[in-house]
C-alpha atoms as a PDB file:
ATOM      1  CA  MET A   1       2.927 -37.087-142.851  1.00  0.00           C
ATOM      2  CA  TYR A   2       3.796 -40.651-141.979  1.00  0.00           C
ATOM      3  CA  PHE A   3       2.166 -43.384-144.008  1.00  0.00           C
ATOM      4  CA  ARG A   4       0.979 -46.567-142.365  1.00  0.00           C
ATOM      5  CA  LEU A   5      -1.827 -49.005-143.026  1.00  0.00           C
ATOM      6  CA  TYR A   6      -4.450 -46.415-142.074  1.00  0.00           C
ATOM      7  CA  ASN A   7      -3.382 -44.025-144.863  1.00  0.00           C
ATOM      8  CA  SER A   8      -4.521 -44.820-148.356  1.00  0.00           C
ATOM      9  CA  LEU A   9      -2.514 -44.770-151.566  1.00  0.00           C
ATOM     10  CA  GLU A  10      -4.876 -42.090-152.870  1.00  0.00           C
ATOM     11  CA  THR A  11      -3.892 -39.831-149.977  1.00  0.00           C
ATOM     12  CA  PHE A  12      -0.217 -40.307-150.804  1.00  0.00           C
ATOM     13  CA  GLN A  13      -0.850 -39.597-154.513  1.00  0.00           C
ATOM     14  CA  ARG A  14      -2.832 -36.429-153.679  1.00  0.00           C
ATOM     15  CA  MET A  15      -0.007 -35.236-151.438  1.00  0.00           C
ATOM     16  CA  MET A  16       2.607 -35.816-154.159  1.00  0.00           C
ATOM     17  CA  ASN A  17       0.409 -34.057-156.738  1.00  0.00           C
ATOM     18  CA  SER A  18      -0.063 -31.069-154.443  1.00  0.00           C
ATOM     19  CA  ILE A  19       3.700 -30.746-153.969  1.00  0.00           C
ATOM     20  CA  VAL A  20       4.559 -30.827-157.690  1.00  0.00           C
ATOM     21  CA  TRP A  21       1.295 -29.326-159.035  1.00  0.00           C
ATOM     22  CA  LYS A  22       3.035 -26.494-160.931  1.00  0.00           C
ATOM     23  CA  LEU A  23       5.256 -28.908-162.866  1.00  0.00           C
ATOM     24  CA  LEU A  24       2.300 -31.213-163.544  1.00  0.00           C
ATOM     25  CA  HIS A  25       0.260 -28.258-164.820  1.00  0.00           C
ATOM     26  CA  ASP A  26       3.096 -27.082-167.085  1.00  0.00           C
ATOM     27  CA  GLY A  27       3.375 -30.566-168.638  1.00  0.00           C
ATOM     28  CA  VAL A  28       6.965 -30.902-167.463  1.00  0.00           C
ATOM     29  CA  LEU A  29       6.451 -33.804-165.102  1.00  0.00           C
ATOM     30  CA  GLU A  30       4.510 -37.038-164.967  1.00  0.00           C
ATOM     31  CA  ASN A  31       3.982 -38.588-161.564  1.00  0.00           C
ATOM     32  CA  TYR A  32       2.612 -41.896-160.334  1.00  0.00           C
ATOM     33  CA  MET A  33       2.979 -42.457-156.607  1.00  0.00           C
ATOM     34  CA  ASP A  34       6.732 -42.061-155.962  1.00  0.00           C
ATOM     35  CA  ASN A  35       7.810 -42.288-159.613  1.00  0.00           C
ATOM     36  CA  PHE A  36       8.632 -39.032-161.345  1.00  0.00           C
ATOM     37  CA  VAL A  37       9.375 -38.583-165.046  1.00  0.00           C
ATOM     38  CA  ILE A  38      10.648 -35.209-166.205  1.00  0.00           C
ATOM     39  CA  LEU A  39       9.813 -34.535-169.844  1.00  0.00           C
ATOM     40  CA  ALA A  40      11.825 -32.321-172.212  1.00  0.00           C
ATOM     41  CA  LYS A  41      12.688 -32.119-175.887  1.00  0.00           C
ATOM     42  CA  THR A  42      16.295 -30.953-175.454  1.00  0.00           C
ATOM     43  CA  ILE A  43      19.062 -31.652-172.938  1.00  0.00           C
ATOM     44  CA  LYS A  44      19.159 -27.959-171.944  1.00  0.00           C
ATOM     45  CA  LYS A  45      15.411 -27.920-171.245  1.00  0.00           C
ATOM     46  CA  LEU A  46      15.739 -31.189-169.319  1.00  0.00           C
ATOM     47  CA  GLU A  47      18.436 -29.712-167.086  1.00  0.00           C
ATOM     48  CA  GLU A  48      16.300 -26.617-166.415  1.00  0.00           C
ATOM     49  CA  GLN A  49      13.248 -28.719-165.537  1.00  0.00           C
ATOM     50  CA  MET A  50      15.315 -31.055-163.369  1.00  0.00           C
ATOM     51  CA  ILE A  51      16.675 -28.105-161.396  1.00  0.00           C
ATOM     52  CA  ARG A  52      13.105 -26.815-160.892  1.00  0.00           C
ATOM     53  CA  PHE A  53      12.007 -30.254-159.696  1.00  0.00           C
ATOM     54  CA  LEU A  54      14.972 -30.710-157.343  1.00  0.00           C
ATOM     55  CA  LYS A  55      14.381 -27.268-155.775  1.00  0.00           C
ATOM     56  CA  ILE A  56      10.769 -28.240-155.062  1.00  0.00           C
ATOM     57  CA  ALA A  57      11.909 -31.607-153.678  1.00  0.00           C
ATOM     58  CA  GLU A  58      14.425 -29.871-151.424  1.00  0.00           C
ATOM     59  CA  LYS A  59      11.788 -27.402-150.199  1.00  0.00           C
ATOM     60  CA  TYR A  60       9.505 -30.282-149.130  1.00  0.00           C
ATOM     61  CA  ASN A  61      12.391 -32.401-147.832  1.00  0.00           C
ATOM     62  CA  LEU A  62      11.823 -35.245-150.316  1.00  0.00           C
ATOM     63  CA  CYS A  63      14.611 -37.809-150.521  1.00  0.00           C
ATOM     64  CA  PHE A  64      15.580 -40.089-153.407  1.00  0.00           C
ATOM     65  CA  LYS A  65      17.611 -43.272-153.568  1.00  0.00           C
ATOM     66  CA  GLN A  66      20.443 -42.735-156.014  1.00  0.00           C
ATOM     67  CA  LEU A  67      20.269 -46.363-157.185  1.00  0.00           C
ATOM     68  CA  LYS A  68      16.681 -45.828-158.352  1.00  0.00           C
ATOM     69  CA  CYS A  69      17.376 -42.594-160.250  1.00  0.00           C
ATOM     70  CA  ASN A  70      18.049 -42.554-163.984  1.00  0.00           C
ATOM     71  CA  PHE A  71      19.096 -39.380-165.743  1.00  0.00           C
ATOM     72  CA  ASN A  72      19.066 -38.315-169.407  1.00  0.00           C
ATOM     73  CA  MET A  73      17.286 -41.445-170.574  1.00  0.00           C
ATOM     74  CA  GLU A  74      16.019 -41.618-174.146  1.00  0.00           C
ATOM     75  CA  GLU A  75      13.831 -44.620-173.359  1.00  0.00           C
ATOM     76  CA  ILE A  76      12.175 -45.670-170.093  1.00  0.00           C
ATOM     77  CA  LEU A  77       9.797 -48.348-168.871  1.00  0.00           C
ATOM     78  CA  ILE A  78       6.705 -46.968-167.106  1.00  0.00           C
ATOM     79  CA  LEU A  79       4.060 -49.404-165.862  1.00  0.00           C
ATOM     80  CA  GLU A  80       5.308 -52.042-168.321  1.00  0.00           C
ATOM     81  CA  VAL A  81       5.118 -49.599-171.279  1.00  0.00           C
ATOM     82  CA  ILE A  82       8.273 -48.425-173.061  1.00  0.00           C
ATOM     83  CA  VAL A  83       8.241 -44.665-173.647  1.00  0.00           C
ATOM     84  CA  THR A  84      10.768 -43.146-176.046  1.00  0.00           C
ATOM     85  CA  LYS A  85      11.836 -39.553-176.487  1.00  0.00           C
ATOM     86  CA  GLU A  86      10.017 -39.398-179.830  1.00  0.00           C
ATOM     87  CA  GLN A  87       6.713 -39.963-177.988  1.00  0.00           C
ATOM     88  CA  VAL A  88       7.271 -36.949-175.756  1.00  0.00           C
END
């Protein structure tokens, strides 16, 4: 689906949620528009969840800019709120 002015942000968000619904339901992933945060308590779990997410992304032909990707972060900024690993 191509997004132009006639497609709403809500439509895009619904599409993203439908693609990653299993991860959202399992509490592994948080998603807002095109921002994805994979949650895990250990590095091993994080790697497993990341592999699951990347397989889904590959299946739906989603692409990511490497410059915008951060991996194994203990603290991130989401919508101007700092989230630490202790809060997960």
